Every structure is written in structure tokens, then in C-alpha cells.
Amino acid sequence: MQNNFQNASAIQTRYSQEAKEEESNLSCGSVLSWANLQANEIVVDLGCGKGNEVFKASKFSHYVYGIDFTQEMIDKAKKYQHTNNVQNVEFINGTIDSVPLYDSIADVVISNCAINHSSDKSIVYSEIYRILKPGGRFIVSDIVSQVQLPEYISNDPQAIAQCYGGAITQNDYFLAIQQAGFTNIDILHNSLPYEKKGVLIRSITLKSVKT
């Protein structure tokens, strides 16, 4: 429990600071280029940050919810929404492992480099499954590790806040998705491995449909 608190605190500290940076780019993939959004669809962005992809998605879909853990990110997104009078979006402060939305609300769930922060990816994907309509799809970009990370990395709150400490192997990641109820998983993009503080990780973009 103490380690979970430390992880959450480190993540909050990082993203509270990132919210102040105008040029920060926190993505690890291009989920919207694969999403094929339609004008009648409802979209949910988990870990939306300052809302960059929410606002882009709002141009091609009916309505977009942005969910983020960090209040400063939500405040920044709402400020931009107000300044630009964007009507078809809503930003909600909440966690991705307990999404504050009704069952079967979304046609599409997107997430870009956020699920790696969760200590239990299967809970997050269970939430994605819950909020998706039957036939709905997710497109997620995230970080996976080449091998199981050593404990000095996986137990380091700062490494988790920096997106690599919470990475699990692709096999374990797929298992978490399947445990949530998804069956077929498509790999849309798979980067070459790169080194981060002595460990090899890579970014991956995935899609699956709720049957």
C-alpha cells in the first residue's frame, strides 16, 4: 500500500509539472491515426493530459470524454476548451483503473502512454471493456519491456512516473488484455527496442474490439 502511494505521488508530481510546460509531448504513439473515428461516435481518452488528442478527436466524432488523474492537467484542458469554445468534449478528474463513466458508453477508447503507470493492467483493460459498447474498439499506445524488469526498476516510483518502470513484457501485457475479455489483439505498430536507464523497452500500438 505504501509503495502504491509513493507511485501515485511521483506520478502526480511529474504530471503537475508537465501541465505547466507548453511544449511537453507525453505520447508514445499515434493512436488517432489508427482510430478511423466516425461522426456519430463517442470517444473516451484515458490519461488525456492537457487534452491534445481529445480536441483532435472532437473534430471527427460526436463527443469526447477526457479522463486524467492530475487535476492540473484537467484544469489546463478546460481552460483551452473554454478559450476555444469547444462544445463536444468533457474533462473529468479520475483514474484509469476506476473510470468515472457508465457501462457501454463508448464506441472508441484511446490511450497514449498512460496504462504503463498502472500496477495492474488487467484492471484497466477490464474498465475499458466495461465502458465500451459491444462492437466498440480500443486503440492504445503504451510501453512494454523486452524482459521482466528488475525490482530496483519496477519498485522505483520515479521510474514508474517516467513511464518505463511500470512496463511489463508483451506476453504479460497481452494476457492482461485477454483477462479483461478481449480476444483478438492487433499490433498496429511496434517500435525497435531502446534503452532507458539500463533496461530495454519499446512502444507498441494495439487494437481490439469488444465482441
Protein backbone atom coordinates (compact mmCIF):
# COMPACT_ATOMS: atom_id res chain seq x y z
CA MET A 1 0.00 0.00 0.00
CA GLN A 2 2.82 2.39 0.90
CA ASN A 3 4.53 1.72 -2.45
CA ASN A 4 1.27 2.43 -4.32
CA PHE A 5 1.01 5.76 -2.50
CA GLN A 6 4.60 6.61 -3.38
CA ASN A 7 4.00 5.69 -7.02
CA ALA A 8 0.85 7.83 -7.19
CA SER A 9 2.64 10.74 -5.55
CA ALA A 10 5.55 10.54 -8.00
CA ILE A 11 3.17 10.38 -10.97
CA GLN A 12 1.16 13.36 -9.69
CA THR A 13 4.34 15.38 -9.14
CA ARG A 14 5.61 14.67 -12.64
CA TYR A 15 2.40 15.50 -14.45
CA SER A 16 1.61 18.54 -12.32
CA GLN A 17 4.94 19.91 -13.54
CA GLU A 18 4.30 18.79 -17.14
CA ALA A 19 0.98 20.67 -17.09
CA LYS A 20 2.98 23.90 -16.78
CA GLU A 21 5.11 23.10 -19.84
CA GLU A 22 3.61 24.40 -23.06
CA GLU A 23 5.71 22.24 -25.36
CA SER A 24 5.70 18.93 -23.47
CA ASN A 25 4.83 15.85 -25.55
CA LEU A 26 3.94 12.80 -23.49
CA SER A 27 2.80 10.37 -26.17
CA CYS A 28 4.49 7.14 -27.24
CA GLY A 29 2.42 6.52 -30.37
CA SER A 30 -0.16 7.89 -32.78
CA VAL A 31 -3.48 6.40 -31.72
CA LEU A 32 -5.72 8.76 -33.67
CA SER A 33 -4.12 7.88 -36.99
CA TRP A 34 -5.42 4.32 -36.47
CA ALA A 35 -8.77 5.15 -34.87
CA ASN A 36 -10.85 5.85 -38.02
CA LEU A 37 -13.28 7.94 -35.99
CA GLN A 38 -16.82 8.45 -37.25
CA ALA A 39 -19.09 11.48 -36.82
CA ASN A 40 -21.63 9.63 -34.66
CA GLU A 41 -19.12 8.04 -32.25
CA ILE A 42 -18.42 8.69 -28.57
CA VAL A 43 -14.73 8.57 -27.66
CA VAL A 44 -13.00 8.22 -24.29
CA ASP A 45 -9.35 9.21 -23.84
CA LEU A 46 -7.76 7.59 -20.77
CA GLY A 47 -4.87 9.64 -19.44
CA CYS A 48 -5.81 12.60 -21.61
CA GLY A 49 -3.33 15.05 -20.13
CA LYS A 50 -3.91 18.59 -21.42
CA GLY A 51 -6.40 17.27 -23.93
CA ASN A 52 -4.44 17.44 -27.18
CA GLU A 53 -5.89 14.24 -28.59
CA VAL A 54 -9.34 14.95 -27.11
CA PHE A 55 -9.54 18.16 -29.11
CA LYS A 56 -8.28 16.47 -32.26
CA ALA A 57 -10.79 13.64 -31.85
CA SER A 58 -13.62 16.11 -31.27
CA LYS A 59 -13.30 17.29 -34.87
CA PHE A 60 -14.16 13.83 -36.21
CA SER A 61 -16.55 12.39 -33.62
CA HIS A 62 -19.77 13.24 -31.81
CA TYR A 63 -18.47 13.60 -28.24
CA VAL A 64 -15.20 13.01 -26.39
CA TYR A 65 -14.54 12.39 -22.69
CA GLY A 66 -11.05 13.04 -21.37
CA ILE A 67 -10.08 11.28 -18.13
CA ASP A 68 -6.95 12.21 -16.20
CA PHE A 69 -5.52 11.61 -12.74
CA THR A 70 -3.85 15.02 -12.43
CA GLN A 71 -6.07 17.98 -11.63
CA GLU A 72 -3.58 20.45 -13.12
CA MET A 73 -3.86 18.65 -16.47
CA ILE A 74 -7.66 18.76 -16.31
CA ASP A 75 -7.56 22.46 -15.43
CA LYS A 76 -5.28 23.19 -18.39
CA ALA A 77 -7.54 21.23 -20.75
CA LYS A 78 -10.68 23.00 -19.51
CA LYS A 79 -9.01 26.38 -19.94
CA TYR A 80 -8.23 25.59 -23.58
CA GLN A 81 -11.77 24.27 -24.05
CA HIS A 82 -13.25 27.50 -22.71
CA THR A 83 -10.90 29.74 -24.69
CA ASN A 84 -11.69 27.95 -27.94
CA ASN A 85 -15.37 27.30 -27.18
CA VAL A 86 -15.18 23.56 -27.84
CA GLN A 87 -18.65 22.20 -27.07
CA ASN A 88 -18.45 18.44 -27.63
CA VAL A 89 -15.85 17.49 -25.02
CA GLU A 90 -15.85 16.92 -21.27
CA PHE A 91 -12.85 16.57 -18.96
CA ILE A 92 -13.12 14.53 -15.77
CA ASN A 93 -10.61 14.07 -12.98
CA GLY A 94 -10.43 10.31 -12.36
CA THR A 95 -8.26 7.23 -12.54
CA ILE A 96 -7.94 4.81 -15.44
CA ASP A 97 -8.45 1.79 -13.17
CA SER A 98 -11.81 3.14 -11.94
CA VAL A 99 -13.18 5.17 -14.83
CA PRO A 100 -15.99 7.52 -13.73
CA LEU A 101 -18.27 6.72 -16.68
CA TYR A 102 -21.30 4.48 -17.27
CA ASP A 103 -21.10 0.98 -18.71
CA SER A 104 -21.20 0.67 -22.52
CA ILE A 105 -20.89 4.41 -23.10
CA ALA A 106 -18.06 4.47 -25.64
CA ASP A 107 -17.64 3.48 -29.26
CA VAL A 108 -13.90 4.07 -29.06
CA VAL A 109 -11.39 4.16 -26.18
CA ILE A 110 -7.97 5.63 -26.81
CA SER A 111 -4.96 5.91 -24.52
CA ASN A 112 -1.47 7.11 -25.22
CA CYS A 113 1.38 6.15 -22.88
CA ALA A 114 -0.73 6.05 -19.72
CA ILE A 115 -1.62 2.44 -18.87
CA ASN A 116 2.03 1.63 -18.08
CA HIS A 117 1.59 3.70 -14.90
CA SER A 118 -0.94 1.21 -13.52
CA SER A 119 0.34 -1.62 -11.34
CA ASP A 120 -2.45 -3.91 -12.63
CA LYS A 121 -3.04 -3.55 -16.37
CA SER A 122 -5.82 -6.16 -16.32
CA ILE A 123 -7.95 -3.86 -14.12
CA VAL A 124 -7.51 -1.00 -16.59
CA TYR A 125 -8.46 -3.21 -19.53
CA SER A 126 -11.45 -4.52 -17.59
CA GLU A 127 -12.56 -0.90 -17.25
CA ILE A 128 -12.02 -0.37 -20.98
CA TYR A 129 -14.11 -3.46 -21.68
CA ARG A 130 -16.82 -2.23 -19.31
CA ILE A 131 -17.21 1.24 -20.83
CA LEU A 132 -17.08 0.04 -24.45
CA LYS A 133 -20.28 -0.75 -26.31
CA PRO A 134 -20.49 -4.20 -27.91
CA GLY A 135 -18.58 -3.85 -31.16
CA GLY A 136 -16.62 -0.91 -29.76
CA ARG A 137 -12.86 -0.79 -30.12
CA PHE A 138 -9.79 0.44 -28.28
CA ILE A 139 -6.62 1.82 -29.78
CA VAL A 140 -3.83 2.07 -27.21
CA SER A 141 -0.19 3.06 -27.45
CA ASP A 142 1.92 2.02 -24.50
CA ILE A 143 5.33 0.88 -23.31
CA VAL A 144 6.39 -2.75 -22.92
CA SER A 145 9.69 -4.22 -21.76
CA GLN A 146 11.85 -6.73 -23.58
CA VAL A 147 12.21 -8.84 -20.44
CA GLN A 148 10.77 -8.68 -16.94
CA LEU A 149 12.21 -5.60 -15.29
CA PRO A 150 14.47 -5.97 -12.24
CA GLU A 151 12.86 -4.98 -8.94
CA TYR A 152 15.13 -1.97 -8.47
CA ILE A 153 13.39 -0.52 -11.55
CA SER A 154 9.85 -1.85 -11.11
CA ASN A 155 9.77 -0.74 -7.46
CA ASP A 156 11.17 2.74 -8.17
CA PRO A 157 8.37 5.37 -8.07
CA GLN A 158 10.42 7.77 -10.18
CA ALA A 159 10.94 5.14 -12.89
CA ILE A 160 7.21 4.41 -12.87
CA ALA A 161 6.42 8.12 -13.16
CA GLN A 162 8.80 8.33 -16.11
CA CYS A 163 6.76 5.64 -17.98
CA TYR A 164 9.29 2.81 -18.08
CA GLY A 165 9.26 1.44 -14.52
CA GLY A 166 5.75 0.06 -14.88
CA ALA A 167 6.41 -1.68 -18.19
CA ILE A 168 5.72 -5.41 -18.46
CA THR A 169 6.59 -7.83 -21.23
CA GLN A 170 4.42 -8.05 -24.33
CA ASN A 171 3.25 -11.54 -23.36
CA ASP A 172 2.16 -10.33 -19.92
CA TYR A 173 0.55 -7.25 -21.46
CA PHE A 174 -1.48 -9.36 -23.89
CA LEU A 175 -2.51 -11.64 -21.03
CA ALA A 176 -3.86 -8.63 -19.12
CA ILE A 177 -5.94 -7.63 -22.16
CA GLN A 178 -7.27 -11.16 -22.62
CA GLN A 179 -8.15 -11.47 -18.94
CA ALA A 180 -10.40 -8.44 -19.39
CA GLY A 181 -12.43 -10.24 -22.06
CA PHE A 182 -10.84 -9.17 -25.33
CA THR A 183 -9.91 -11.95 -27.71
CA ASN A 184 -8.25 -10.83 -30.94
CA ILE A 185 -5.47 -8.26 -30.48
CA ASP A 186 -3.96 -6.49 -33.49
CA ILE A 187 -0.47 -4.99 -33.33
CA LEU A 188 -0.66 -1.77 -35.35
CA HIS A 189 2.83 -0.52 -34.61
CA ASN A 190 5.84 -1.97 -32.82
CA SER A 191 8.95 0.16 -32.34
CA LEU A 192 12.51 -1.04 -32.18
CA PRO A 193 13.78 -1.57 -28.62
CA TYR A 194 15.52 1.37 -26.98
CA GLU A 195 17.45 1.70 -23.76
CA LYS A 196 16.11 3.56 -20.72
CA LYS A 197 18.26 3.65 -17.57
CA GLY A 198 19.84 0.31 -18.38
CA VAL A 199 16.70 -1.56 -19.48
CA LEU A 200 15.29 -2.18 -22.96
CA ILE A 201 11.75 -1.06 -23.67
CA ARG A 202 9.69 -0.32 -26.78
CA SER A 203 6.46 1.39 -27.70
CA ILE A 204 3.58 -0.61 -29.11
CA THR A 205 0.18 0.35 -30.53
CA LEU A 206 -2.65 -2.15 -30.19
CA LYS A 207 -6.27 -2.51 -31.24
CA SER A 208 -9.03 -4.85 -30.16
CA VAL A 209 -12.81 -4.98 -30.47
CA LYS A 210 -15.32 -5.86 -27.76
CA THR A 211 -17.31 -8.79 -29.10
